[in-house]
Amino acid sequence: MNALHGGSMASQIELDRVILRARKCRLCEPDLPLGARPIIAAHSEARILLVGQAPGTRVHETGVAWNDASGERMRQWLSVDADTFYDPRQFAIIPMGFCYPGRGRSGDNPPRPECAPLWHDLLLEQLPDIRLTLLVGQYAQARYLTTGKGKNLTETVRSWEESSKGIFPLPHPSPRNNVWLRKNPWFERDLVPALRRCVEQALKS
């Protein structure tokens, strides 16, 4: 079974059951500065899978995934409006870590390592209609990329055409990455237009 593209026995009832369990998960709560608030969204008919890193403080406060400046840029890259992005029949949003992990020296801490091994397979098994997978950041790429891996994130993203069909490795759209975007103009010149075409195709009924 392809871990990214799920099985053939998907059930919205079963998916809802897994999501409810995941949202009640408190495994990491002792290590979370703001407590546990798992944030995921999916429907068994979803066409695009977005695997990000972990919620930031604004997303933790609102309970809405990508509800911040990073989300605005992500939607620009994808050329979709908020209604489409937040329609779980279109986008399944399953981060590597479901809860805000706290701050480190140079930004947010890495996603908690417990989430993906515990929950991802259970969720992805119920998503048989995924046509396009977006891997945002090094943690998602390390777990799911099988081809096109570079020695760092820049090389991996730059090798996007070598990734398996239907998979795009992406940098994080955080404003903290503005310097990276300026240093790598090929990303918005070459990759983003190709990404938008694939998104449009994936969302077609």
N, C-alpha and C. Protein backbone atom coordinates (compact mmCIF):
# COMPACT_ATOMS: atom_id res chain seq x y z
N MET A 1 0.84 -1.21 0.00
CA MET A 1 0.00 0.00 0.00
C MET A 1 0.87 1.24 0.00
N ASN A 2 0.53 2.21 -0.85
CA ASN A 2 1.27 3.46 -0.89
C ASN A 2 0.86 4.32 0.30
N ALA A 3 1.81 4.62 1.17
CA ALA A 3 1.49 5.36 2.40
C ALA A 3 0.91 6.72 2.11
N LEU A 4 1.26 7.31 0.97
CA LEU A 4 0.76 8.64 0.65
C LEU A 4 -0.61 8.59 0.01
N HIS A 5 -0.91 7.56 -0.71
CA HIS A 5 -2.12 7.57 -1.51
C HIS A 5 -3.19 6.62 -1.01
N GLY A 6 -2.94 5.97 0.12
CA GLY A 6 -4.00 5.27 0.81
C GLY A 6 -4.47 3.98 0.16
N GLY A 7 -5.49 3.38 0.75
CA GLY A 7 -6.02 2.13 0.26
C GLY A 7 -7.34 2.30 -0.44
N SER A 8 -8.00 1.18 -0.74
CA SER A 8 -9.22 1.20 -1.53
C SER A 8 -10.47 1.05 -0.67
N MET A 9 -10.32 0.90 0.65
CA MET A 9 -11.46 0.64 1.52
C MET A 9 -11.78 1.86 2.39
N ALA A 10 -11.58 3.03 1.80
CA ALA A 10 -11.78 4.26 2.57
C ALA A 10 -13.23 4.39 3.00
N SER A 11 -13.43 4.97 4.14
CA SER A 11 -14.76 5.22 4.68
C SER A 11 -14.74 6.54 5.41
N GLN A 12 -15.68 7.41 5.06
CA GLN A 12 -15.72 8.68 5.77
C GLN A 12 -16.01 8.47 7.25
N ILE A 13 -16.80 7.44 7.55
CA ILE A 13 -17.08 7.15 8.96
C ILE A 13 -15.81 6.78 9.69
N GLU A 14 -14.99 5.94 9.07
CA GLU A 14 -13.74 5.54 9.70
C GLU A 14 -12.78 6.72 9.79
N LEU A 15 -12.72 7.54 8.74
CA LEU A 15 -11.85 8.71 8.77
C LEU A 15 -12.27 9.65 9.89
N ASP A 16 -13.55 9.91 10.00
CA ASP A 16 -14.05 10.78 11.08
C ASP A 16 -13.67 10.21 12.45
N ARG A 17 -13.73 8.89 12.57
CA ARG A 17 -13.39 8.25 13.84
C ARG A 17 -11.91 8.48 14.17
N VAL A 18 -11.05 8.33 13.17
CA VAL A 18 -9.61 8.51 13.40
C VAL A 18 -9.32 9.98 13.72
N ILE A 19 -9.95 10.89 12.99
CA ILE A 19 -9.73 12.32 13.23
C ILE A 19 -10.17 12.69 14.65
N LEU A 20 -11.30 12.17 15.07
CA LEU A 20 -11.77 12.46 16.42
C LEU A 20 -10.78 11.95 17.46
N ARG A 21 -10.27 10.76 17.27
CA ARG A 21 -9.26 10.22 18.19
C ARG A 21 -8.01 11.08 18.18
N ALA A 22 -7.58 11.49 16.99
CA ALA A 22 -6.36 12.30 16.89
C ALA A 22 -6.54 13.64 17.58
N ARG A 23 -7.70 14.23 17.44
CA ARG A 23 -7.94 15.53 18.06
C ARG A 23 -8.03 15.45 19.59
N LYS A 24 -8.28 14.26 20.09
CA LYS A 24 -8.32 14.06 21.54
C LYS A 24 -6.96 13.64 22.10
N CYS A 25 -5.99 13.44 21.22
CA CYS A 25 -4.69 12.93 21.65
C CYS A 25 -4.01 13.94 22.59
N ARG A 26 -3.47 13.43 23.69
CA ARG A 26 -2.76 14.26 24.66
C ARG A 26 -1.38 13.67 24.98
N LEU A 27 -0.88 12.84 24.09
CA LEU A 27 0.37 12.13 24.34
C LEU A 27 1.52 13.08 24.66
N CYS A 28 1.63 14.18 23.91
CA CYS A 28 2.77 15.09 24.05
C CYS A 28 2.49 16.27 24.98
N GLU A 29 1.31 16.33 25.55
CA GLU A 29 0.91 17.54 26.28
C GLU A 29 1.92 17.99 27.33
N PRO A 30 2.58 17.09 28.05
CA PRO A 30 3.57 17.56 29.05
C PRO A 30 4.71 18.35 28.43
N ASP A 31 4.95 18.16 27.12
CA ASP A 31 6.06 18.84 26.46
C ASP A 31 5.62 20.02 25.60
N LEU A 32 4.35 20.38 25.66
CA LEU A 32 3.81 21.45 24.82
C LEU A 32 3.56 22.70 25.66
N PRO A 33 4.17 23.84 25.33
CA PRO A 33 4.05 25.02 26.19
C PRO A 33 2.65 25.60 26.25
N LEU A 34 1.85 25.40 25.21
CA LEU A 34 0.48 25.92 25.20
C LEU A 34 -0.55 24.82 25.34
N GLY A 35 -0.10 23.63 25.67
CA GLY A 35 -1.01 22.50 25.78
C GLY A 35 -1.32 21.89 24.43
N ALA A 36 -2.08 20.82 24.46
CA ALA A 36 -2.40 20.09 23.23
C ALA A 36 -3.64 20.67 22.57
N ARG A 37 -3.54 20.93 21.26
CA ARG A 37 -4.69 21.29 20.45
C ARG A 37 -4.43 20.76 19.04
N PRO A 38 -4.60 19.46 18.81
CA PRO A 38 -4.30 18.88 17.50
C PRO A 38 -5.16 19.50 16.40
N ILE A 39 -4.49 19.92 15.33
CA ILE A 39 -5.17 20.61 14.24
C ILE A 39 -4.92 19.85 12.95
N ILE A 40 -5.98 19.19 12.45
CA ILE A 40 -5.94 18.46 11.19
C ILE A 40 -7.30 18.63 10.53
N ALA A 41 -7.35 18.42 9.21
CA ALA A 41 -8.62 18.49 8.48
C ALA A 41 -8.53 17.58 7.27
N ALA A 42 -9.55 16.75 7.06
CA ALA A 42 -9.52 15.85 5.91
C ALA A 42 -10.92 15.30 5.65
N HIS A 43 -11.14 14.89 4.42
CA HIS A 43 -12.36 14.20 4.00
C HIS A 43 -11.92 13.07 3.08
N SER A 44 -12.66 12.00 3.05
CA SER A 44 -12.26 10.85 2.24
C SER A 44 -12.24 11.15 0.74
N GLU A 45 -12.87 12.25 0.31
CA GLU A 45 -12.88 12.62 -1.10
C GLU A 45 -11.78 13.62 -1.46
N ALA A 46 -10.93 13.97 -0.52
CA ALA A 46 -9.90 14.99 -0.76
C ALA A 46 -9.05 14.64 -1.96
N ARG A 47 -8.69 15.66 -2.74
CA ARG A 47 -7.88 15.49 -3.95
C ARG A 47 -6.41 15.82 -3.71
N ILE A 48 -6.14 16.76 -2.80
CA ILE A 48 -4.78 17.24 -2.56
C ILE A 48 -4.44 17.04 -1.09
N LEU A 49 -3.26 16.48 -0.86
CA LEU A 49 -2.77 16.27 0.50
C LEU A 49 -1.66 17.28 0.78
N LEU A 50 -1.84 18.05 1.82
CA LEU A 50 -0.84 19.04 2.24
C LEU A 50 -0.24 18.59 3.57
N VAL A 51 1.04 18.20 3.52
CA VAL A 51 1.74 17.77 4.73
C VAL A 51 2.72 18.87 5.11
N GLY A 52 2.38 19.63 6.14
CA GLY A 52 3.23 20.72 6.59
C GLY A 52 4.06 20.32 7.79
N GLN A 53 4.44 21.31 8.59
CA GLN A 53 5.29 21.04 9.75
C GLN A 53 4.47 20.93 11.03
N ALA A 54 4.09 22.06 11.61
CA ALA A 54 3.29 22.07 12.83
C ALA A 54 2.64 23.44 12.95
N PRO A 55 1.53 23.54 13.67
CA PRO A 55 0.87 24.84 13.83
C PRO A 55 1.76 25.85 14.53
N GLY A 56 1.59 27.12 14.16
CA GLY A 56 2.21 28.21 14.89
C GLY A 56 1.26 28.72 15.96
N THR A 57 1.62 29.79 16.63
CA THR A 57 0.80 30.29 17.74
C THR A 57 -0.56 30.78 17.27
N ARG A 58 -0.61 31.49 16.13
CA ARG A 58 -1.90 31.99 15.65
C ARG A 58 -2.84 30.84 15.29
N VAL A 59 -2.29 29.82 14.63
CA VAL A 59 -3.10 28.67 14.28
C VAL A 59 -3.56 27.95 15.55
N HIS A 60 -2.68 27.84 16.53
CA HIS A 60 -3.08 27.22 17.81
C HIS A 60 -4.23 28.00 18.44
N GLU A 61 -4.15 29.32 18.41
CA GLU A 61 -5.18 30.15 19.04
C GLU A 61 -6.52 30.02 18.33
N THR A 62 -6.50 29.98 17.01
CA THR A 62 -7.75 29.99 16.23
C THR A 62 -8.27 28.59 15.95
N GLY A 63 -7.38 27.59 15.97
CA GLY A 63 -7.79 26.24 15.62
C GLY A 63 -7.98 26.02 14.14
N VAL A 64 -7.52 26.96 13.33
CA VAL A 64 -7.67 26.88 11.87
C VAL A 64 -6.30 26.75 11.24
N ALA A 65 -6.07 25.69 10.51
CA ALA A 65 -4.77 25.43 9.90
C ALA A 65 -4.39 26.51 8.90
N TRP A 66 -3.12 26.88 8.88
CA TRP A 66 -2.58 27.85 7.91
C TRP A 66 -3.32 29.18 7.97
N ASN A 67 -3.80 29.55 9.15
CA ASN A 67 -4.53 30.81 9.33
C ASN A 67 -3.56 31.90 9.77
N ASP A 68 -2.59 32.19 8.89
CA ASP A 68 -1.56 33.16 9.22
C ASP A 68 -0.89 33.61 7.93
N ALA A 69 0.18 34.38 8.05
CA ALA A 69 0.87 34.88 6.86
C ALA A 69 1.41 33.75 6.00
N SER A 70 1.85 32.67 6.63
CA SER A 70 2.33 31.52 5.86
C SER A 70 1.21 30.94 5.01
N GLY A 71 0.01 30.87 5.58
CA GLY A 71 -1.12 30.36 4.83
C GLY A 71 -1.49 31.24 3.65
N GLU A 72 -1.40 32.56 3.85
CA GLU A 72 -1.71 33.47 2.74
C GLU A 72 -0.74 33.24 1.58
N ARG A 73 0.54 33.10 1.90
CA ARG A 73 1.51 32.87 0.83
C ARG A 73 1.30 31.49 0.20
N MET A 74 1.00 30.50 1.01
CA MET A 74 0.75 29.17 0.46
C MET A 74 -0.39 29.21 -0.56
N ARG A 75 -1.48 29.88 -0.21
CA ARG A 75 -2.60 29.96 -1.14
C ARG A 75 -2.24 30.73 -2.40
N GLN A 76 -1.36 31.72 -2.28
CA GLN A 76 -0.87 32.42 -3.46
C GLN A 76 -0.07 31.47 -4.34
N TRP A 77 0.83 30.70 -3.73
CA TRP A 77 1.61 29.74 -4.52
C TRP A 77 0.69 28.77 -5.27
N LEU A 78 -0.36 28.32 -4.59
CA LEU A 78 -1.26 27.32 -5.18
C LEU A 78 -2.30 27.95 -6.10
N SER A 79 -2.47 29.27 -6.01
CA SER A 79 -3.49 30.00 -6.76
C SER A 79 -4.89 29.46 -6.47
N VAL A 80 -5.19 29.34 -5.17
CA VAL A 80 -6.53 28.94 -4.74
C VAL A 80 -7.03 29.93 -3.71
N ASP A 81 -8.34 30.08 -3.64
CA ASP A 81 -8.91 30.97 -2.63
C ASP A 81 -9.12 30.21 -1.33
N ALA A 82 -9.49 30.95 -0.30
CA ALA A 82 -9.63 30.34 1.03
C ALA A 82 -10.74 29.30 1.05
N ASP A 83 -11.85 29.55 0.33
CA ASP A 83 -12.95 28.59 0.33
C ASP A 83 -12.51 27.24 -0.21
N THR A 84 -11.72 27.27 -1.28
CA THR A 84 -11.22 26.02 -1.86
C THR A 84 -10.22 25.35 -0.92
N PHE A 85 -9.31 26.16 -0.38
CA PHE A 85 -8.25 25.62 0.48
C PHE A 85 -8.83 24.95 1.72
N TYR A 86 -9.88 25.53 2.28
CA TYR A 86 -10.46 25.01 3.52
C TYR A 86 -11.62 24.04 3.29
N ASP A 87 -11.84 23.65 2.05
CA ASP A 87 -12.82 22.62 1.75
C ASP A 87 -12.14 21.27 1.90
N PRO A 88 -12.46 20.49 2.93
CA PRO A 88 -11.74 19.23 3.13
C PRO A 88 -11.97 18.21 2.03
N ARG A 89 -12.99 18.42 1.19
CA ARG A 89 -13.17 17.55 0.03
C ARG A 89 -12.15 17.88 -1.07
N GLN A 90 -11.48 19.01 -0.93
CA GLN A 90 -10.45 19.40 -1.89
C GLN A 90 -9.05 19.19 -1.29
N PHE A 91 -8.83 19.72 -0.09
CA PHE A 91 -7.52 19.66 0.56
C PHE A 91 -7.61 18.90 1.89
N ALA A 92 -6.78 17.89 2.03
CA ALA A 92 -6.55 17.25 3.33
C ALA A 92 -5.30 17.89 3.92
N ILE A 93 -5.42 18.45 5.11
CA ILE A 93 -4.31 19.16 5.76
C ILE A 93 -3.88 18.35 6.97
N ILE A 94 -2.73 17.69 6.84
CA ILE A 94 -2.25 16.78 7.87
C ILE A 94 -0.78 17.11 8.14
N PRO A 95 -0.49 17.90 9.16
CA PRO A 95 0.91 18.28 9.42
C PRO A 95 1.71 17.14 10.04
N MET A 96 3.02 17.31 10.05
CA MET A 96 3.88 16.33 10.69
C MET A 96 3.68 16.31 12.19
N GLY A 97 3.43 17.46 12.77
CA GLY A 97 3.07 17.58 14.18
C GLY A 97 1.75 18.30 14.28
N PHE A 98 0.83 17.79 15.06
CA PHE A 98 -0.52 18.34 15.09
C PHE A 98 -0.68 19.54 16.02
N CYS A 99 0.27 19.72 16.94
CA CYS A 99 0.15 20.77 17.95
C CYS A 99 1.34 21.73 17.88
N TYR A 100 1.14 22.94 18.39
CA TYR A 100 2.21 23.93 18.44
C TYR A 100 3.33 23.40 19.34
N PRO A 101 4.58 23.31 18.82
CA PRO A 101 5.65 22.66 19.58
C PRO A 101 6.46 23.59 20.47
N GLY A 102 6.19 24.90 20.40
CA GLY A 102 6.99 25.84 21.19
C GLY A 102 8.09 26.48 20.39
N ARG A 103 8.78 27.43 21.01
CA ARG A 103 9.81 28.20 20.34
C ARG A 103 11.20 27.67 20.65
N GLY A 104 12.07 27.76 19.65
CA GLY A 104 13.47 27.46 19.82
C GLY A 104 14.30 28.71 19.63
N ARG A 105 15.59 28.54 19.43
CA ARG A 105 16.48 29.69 19.29
C ARG A 105 16.24 30.48 18.01
N SER A 106 15.89 29.79 16.93
CA SER A 106 15.77 30.46 15.63
C SER A 106 14.37 30.34 15.03
N GLY A 107 13.39 30.11 15.87
CA GLY A 107 12.02 29.97 15.38
C GLY A 107 11.31 28.87 16.15
N ASP A 108 10.21 28.40 15.58
CA ASP A 108 9.46 27.34 16.26
C ASP A 108 10.28 26.05 16.32
N ASN A 109 10.05 25.28 17.35
CA ASN A 109 10.69 23.98 17.47
C ASN A 109 10.24 23.05 16.36
N PRO A 110 10.98 21.97 16.12
CA PRO A 110 10.54 20.97 15.14
C PRO A 110 9.20 20.35 15.56
N PRO A 111 8.46 19.80 14.61
CA PRO A 111 7.24 19.08 14.98
C PRO A 111 7.54 17.97 15.98
N ARG A 112 6.63 17.72 16.88
CA ARG A 112 6.81 16.62 17.81
C ARG A 112 6.93 15.32 17.01
N PRO A 113 7.90 14.46 17.34
CA PRO A 113 8.16 13.27 16.53
C PRO A 113 7.14 12.16 16.71
N GLU A 114 6.25 12.29 17.72
CA GLU A 114 5.30 11.21 17.98
C GLU A 114 4.13 11.18 16.99
N CYS A 115 3.75 12.34 16.45
CA CYS A 115 2.50 12.45 15.68
C CYS A 115 2.48 11.58 14.42
N ALA A 116 3.45 11.80 13.55
CA ALA A 116 3.40 11.13 12.26
C ALA A 116 3.40 9.61 12.38
N PRO A 117 4.29 9.00 13.17
CA PRO A 117 4.25 7.54 13.29
C PRO A 117 2.94 7.03 13.90
N LEU A 118 2.35 7.81 14.78
CA LEU A 118 1.15 7.36 15.48
C LEU A 118 -0.11 7.50 14.64
N TRP A 119 -0.20 8.59 13.84
CA TRP A 119 -1.47 8.92 13.21
C TRP A 119 -1.48 8.91 11.68
N HIS A 120 -0.36 9.18 11.03
CA HIS A 120 -0.41 9.40 9.59
C HIS A 120 -0.95 8.20 8.81
N ASP A 121 -0.44 7.02 9.06
CA ASP A 121 -0.92 5.87 8.30
C ASP A 121 -2.41 5.64 8.49
N LEU A 122 -2.88 5.82 9.71
CA LEU A 122 -4.31 5.63 9.97
C LEU A 122 -5.16 6.61 9.18
N LEU A 123 -4.67 7.84 9.04
CA LEU A 123 -5.41 8.86 8.29
C LEU A 123 -5.28 8.64 6.79
N LEU A 124 -4.07 8.39 6.33
CA LEU A 124 -3.84 8.30 4.88
C LEU A 124 -4.49 7.07 4.27
N GLU A 125 -4.70 6.03 5.05
CA GLU A 125 -5.41 4.85 4.56
C GLU A 125 -6.83 5.18 4.13
N GLN A 126 -7.38 6.26 4.64
CA GLN A 126 -8.76 6.64 4.33
C GLN A 126 -8.84 7.75 3.29
N LEU A 127 -7.75 7.99 2.57
CA LEU A 127 -7.70 9.05 1.56
C LEU A 127 -7.31 8.45 0.21
N PRO A 128 -8.22 7.72 -0.45
CA PRO A 128 -7.86 7.02 -1.68
C PRO A 128 -7.84 7.88 -2.93
N ASP A 129 -8.38 9.11 -2.84
CA ASP A 129 -8.53 9.93 -4.04
C ASP A 129 -7.48 11.03 -4.16
N ILE A 130 -6.42 10.95 -3.37
CA ILE A 130 -5.37 11.97 -3.44
C ILE A 130 -4.68 11.91 -4.81
N ARG A 131 -4.64 13.06 -5.46
CA ARG A 131 -4.02 13.16 -6.78
C ARG A 131 -2.71 13.93 -6.74
N LEU A 132 -2.54 14.74 -5.71
CA LEU A 132 -1.36 15.58 -5.61
C LEU A 132 -0.98 15.71 -4.14
N THR A 133 0.31 15.54 -3.84
CA THR A 133 0.80 15.63 -2.47
C THR A 133 1.85 16.73 -2.38
N LEU A 134 1.67 17.64 -1.43
CA LEU A 134 2.58 18.76 -1.22
C LEU A 134 3.31 18.53 0.10
N LEU A 135 4.63 18.43 0.01
CA LEU A 135 5.46 18.17 1.19
C LEU A 135 6.19 19.45 1.56
N VAL A 136 5.75 20.09 2.62
CA VAL A 136 6.24 21.41 3.00
C VAL A 136 7.28 21.28 4.10
N GLY A 137 8.52 21.57 3.77
CA GLY A 137 9.57 21.56 4.77
C GLY A 137 10.31 20.23 4.85
N GLN A 138 11.43 20.27 5.54
CA GLN A 138 12.35 19.13 5.55
C GLN A 138 11.79 17.91 6.26
N TYR A 139 10.93 18.08 7.24
CA TYR A 139 10.44 16.94 8.00
C TYR A 139 9.47 16.10 7.18
N ALA A 140 8.56 16.75 6.47
CA ALA A 140 7.65 16.03 5.58
C ALA A 140 8.42 15.36 4.45
N GLN A 141 9.41 16.06 3.93
CA GLN A 141 10.19 15.51 2.82
C GLN A 141 11.02 14.32 3.26
N ALA A 142 11.60 14.40 4.46
CA ALA A 142 12.41 13.29 4.96
C ALA A 142 11.55 12.04 5.15
N ARG A 143 10.30 12.21 5.54
CA ARG A 143 9.45 11.04 5.79
C ARG A 143 8.90 10.44 4.51
N TYR A 144 8.56 11.28 3.53
CA TYR A 144 7.76 10.78 2.41
C TYR A 144 8.44 10.78 1.05
N LEU A 145 9.49 11.53 0.86
CA LEU A 145 10.13 11.52 -0.45
C LEU A 145 10.94 10.25 -0.64
N THR A 146 10.76 9.62 -1.77
CA THR A 146 11.56 8.43 -2.10
C THR A 146 12.54 8.71 -3.23
N THR A 147 12.27 9.73 -4.05
CA THR A 147 13.19 10.13 -5.11
C THR A 147 13.34 11.64 -5.08
N GLY A 148 14.46 12.13 -5.59
CA GLY A 148 14.67 13.56 -5.66
C GLY A 148 15.17 14.20 -4.39
N LYS A 149 15.62 13.40 -3.44
CA LYS A 149 16.15 13.96 -2.20
C LYS A 149 17.53 14.57 -2.43
N GLY A 150 17.74 15.77 -1.92
CA GLY A 150 19.05 16.41 -1.95
C GLY A 150 19.67 16.39 -0.57
N LYS A 151 20.87 16.96 -0.48
CA LYS A 151 21.55 16.98 0.81
C LYS A 151 20.98 18.03 1.75
N ASN A 152 20.15 18.94 1.22
CA ASN A 152 19.47 19.92 2.05
C ASN A 152 18.15 20.29 1.39
N LEU A 153 17.37 21.14 2.06
CA LEU A 153 16.05 21.48 1.54
C LEU A 153 16.13 22.16 0.18
N THR A 154 17.09 23.06 0.00
CA THR A 154 17.21 23.77 -1.28
C THR A 154 17.43 22.80 -2.42
N GLU A 155 18.33 21.86 -2.23
CA GLU A 155 18.59 20.88 -3.30
C GLU A 155 17.38 19.99 -3.55
N THR A 156 16.69 19.64 -2.48
CA THR A 156 15.50 18.80 -2.64
C THR A 156 14.41 19.52 -3.42
N VAL A 157 14.13 20.77 -3.05
CA VAL A 157 13.10 21.52 -3.76
C VAL A 157 13.52 21.77 -5.19
N ARG A 158 14.79 22.07 -5.39
CA ARG A 158 15.27 22.34 -6.74
C ARG A 158 15.19 21.10 -7.62
N SER A 159 15.16 19.93 -7.01
CA SER A 159 15.06 18.67 -7.76
C SER A 159 13.61 18.20 -7.87
N TRP A 160 12.67 19.11 -7.79
CA TRP A 160 11.25 18.75 -7.75
C TRP A 160 10.82 17.90 -8.94
N GLU A 161 11.42 18.10 -10.09
CA GLU A 161 11.02 17.32 -11.27
C GLU A 161 11.47 15.87 -11.17
N GLU A 162 12.39 15.58 -10.24
CA GLU A 162 12.85 14.20 -10.03
C GLU A 162 12.01 13.47 -9.00
N SER A 163 11.12 14.18 -8.31
CA SER A 163 10.27 13.53 -7.32
C SER A 163 9.26 12.63 -8.02
N SER A 164 8.71 11.70 -7.25
CA SER A 164 7.68 10.83 -7.81
C SER A 164 6.53 11.66 -8.36
N LYS A 165 5.89 11.14 -9.38
CA LYS A 165 4.78 11.85 -10.01
C LYS A 165 3.70 12.16 -8.97
N GLY A 166 3.22 13.39 -9.02
CA GLY A 166 2.15 13.79 -8.09
C GLY A 166 2.64 14.26 -6.75
N ILE A 167 3.95 14.49 -6.61
CA ILE A 167 4.50 14.96 -5.35
C ILE A 167 5.35 16.20 -5.58
N PHE A 168 5.11 17.26 -4.81
CA PHE A 168 5.90 18.48 -4.88
C PHE A 168 6.55 18.75 -3.53
N PRO A 169 7.89 18.79 -3.46
CA PRO A 169 8.56 19.28 -2.25
C PRO A 169 8.60 20.80 -2.27
N LEU A 170 8.24 21.41 -1.17
CA LEU A 170 8.15 22.87 -1.10
C LEU A 170 8.89 23.40 0.13
N PRO A 171 9.41 24.62 0.04
CA PRO A 171 9.92 25.28 1.25
C PRO A 171 8.74 25.75 2.08
N HIS A 172 8.99 26.10 3.31
CA HIS A 172 7.92 26.65 4.12
C HIS A 172 7.65 28.08 3.64
N PRO A 173 6.38 28.46 3.52
CA PRO A 173 6.05 29.81 3.03
C PRO A 173 6.12 30.90 4.08
N SER A 174 6.72 30.63 5.21
CA SER A 174 6.83 31.62 6.28
C SER A 174 7.57 32.87 5.81
N PRO A 175 7.17 34.04 6.31
CA PRO A 175 7.93 35.26 6.02
C PRO A 175 9.40 35.15 6.41
N ARG A 176 9.73 34.24 7.33
CA ARG A 176 11.13 34.05 7.70
C ARG A 176 11.95 33.52 6.53
N ASN A 177 11.28 33.00 5.51
CA ASN A 177 11.98 32.45 4.35
C ASN A 177 12.08 33.45 3.19
N ASN A 178 11.81 34.73 3.46
CA ASN A 178 11.91 35.74 2.39
C ASN A 178 13.32 35.79 1.80
N VAL A 179 14.33 35.66 2.66
CA VAL A 179 15.71 35.68 2.16
C VAL A 179 15.94 34.49 1.23
N TRP A 180 15.45 33.32 1.63
CA TRP A 180 15.60 32.12 0.79
C TRP A 180 14.95 32.34 -0.57
N LEU A 181 13.78 32.93 -0.58
CA LEU A 181 13.08 33.16 -1.85
C LEU A 181 13.84 34.13 -2.75
N ARG A 182 14.45 35.15 -2.13
CA ARG A 182 15.24 36.09 -2.94
C ARG A 182 16.48 35.43 -3.51
N LYS A 183 17.07 34.51 -2.75
CA LYS A 183 18.28 33.83 -3.21
C LYS A 183 17.98 32.73 -4.23
N ASN A 184 16.74 32.32 -4.30
CA ASN A 184 16.36 31.21 -5.19
C ASN A 184 15.19 31.63 -6.08
N PRO A 185 15.42 32.57 -7.00
CA PRO A 185 14.32 33.07 -7.83
C PRO A 185 13.72 32.01 -8.74
N TRP A 186 14.44 30.93 -9.01
CA TRP A 186 13.92 29.84 -9.83
C TRP A 186 12.65 29.24 -9.22
N PHE A 187 12.50 29.33 -7.89
CA PHE A 187 11.35 28.70 -7.25
C PHE A 187 10.04 29.31 -7.76
N GLU A 188 9.93 30.64 -7.68
CA GLU A 188 8.69 31.29 -8.12
C GLU A 188 8.62 31.41 -9.63
N ARG A 189 9.77 31.39 -10.29
CA ARG A 189 9.79 31.48 -11.76
C ARG A 189 9.42 30.16 -12.42
N ASP A 190 9.94 29.06 -11.90
CA ASP A 190 9.79 27.77 -12.58
C ASP A 190 8.86 26.79 -11.85
N LEU A 191 9.07 26.63 -10.54
CA LEU A 191 8.29 25.63 -9.82
C LEU A 191 6.85 26.07 -9.59
N VAL A 192 6.64 27.30 -9.14
CA VAL A 192 5.29 27.74 -8.79
C VAL A 192 4.32 27.64 -9.97
N PRO A 193 4.67 28.07 -11.18
CA PRO A 193 3.73 27.90 -12.29
C PRO A 193 3.38 26.43 -12.55
N ALA A 194 4.39 25.54 -12.45
CA ALA A 194 4.12 24.12 -12.63
C ALA A 194 3.21 23.60 -11.52
N LEU A 195 3.46 24.05 -10.30
CA LEU A 195 2.63 23.67 -9.16
C LEU A 195 1.19 24.09 -9.39
N ARG A 196 0.98 25.31 -9.84
CA ARG A 196 -0.38 25.80 -10.05
C ARG A 196 -1.11 24.97 -11.10
N ARG A 197 -0.40 24.59 -12.14
CA ARG A 197 -1.04 23.75 -13.16
C ARG A 197 -1.46 22.41 -12.59
N CYS A 198 -0.61 21.83 -11.75
CA CYS A 198 -0.93 20.54 -11.15
C CYS A 198 -2.08 20.67 -10.16
N VAL A 199 -2.12 21.74 -9.41
CA VAL A 199 -3.23 21.97 -8.47
C VAL A 199 -4.54 22.10 -9.24
N GLU A 200 -4.53 22.89 -10.30
CA GLU A 200 -5.74 23.07 -11.10
C GLU A 200 -6.22 21.73 -11.65
N GLN A 201 -5.29 20.91 -12.14
CA GLN A 201 -5.66 19.62 -12.69
C GLN A 201 -6.20 18.69 -11.63
N ALA A 202 -5.58 18.69 -10.45
CA ALA A 202 -5.99 17.80 -9.38
C ALA A 202 -7.39 18.13 -8.87
N LEU A 203 -7.76 19.40 -8.93
CA LEU A 203 -9.07 19.82 -8.39
C LEU A 203 -10.19 19.66 -9.40
N LYS A 204 -9.85 19.36 -10.63
CA LYS A 204 -10.91 19.17 -11.64
C LYS A 204 -11.67 17.89 -11.32
N SER A 205 -12.97 17.97 -11.47
CA SER A 205 -13.81 16.79 -11.18
C SER A 205 -13.76 15.81 -12.33
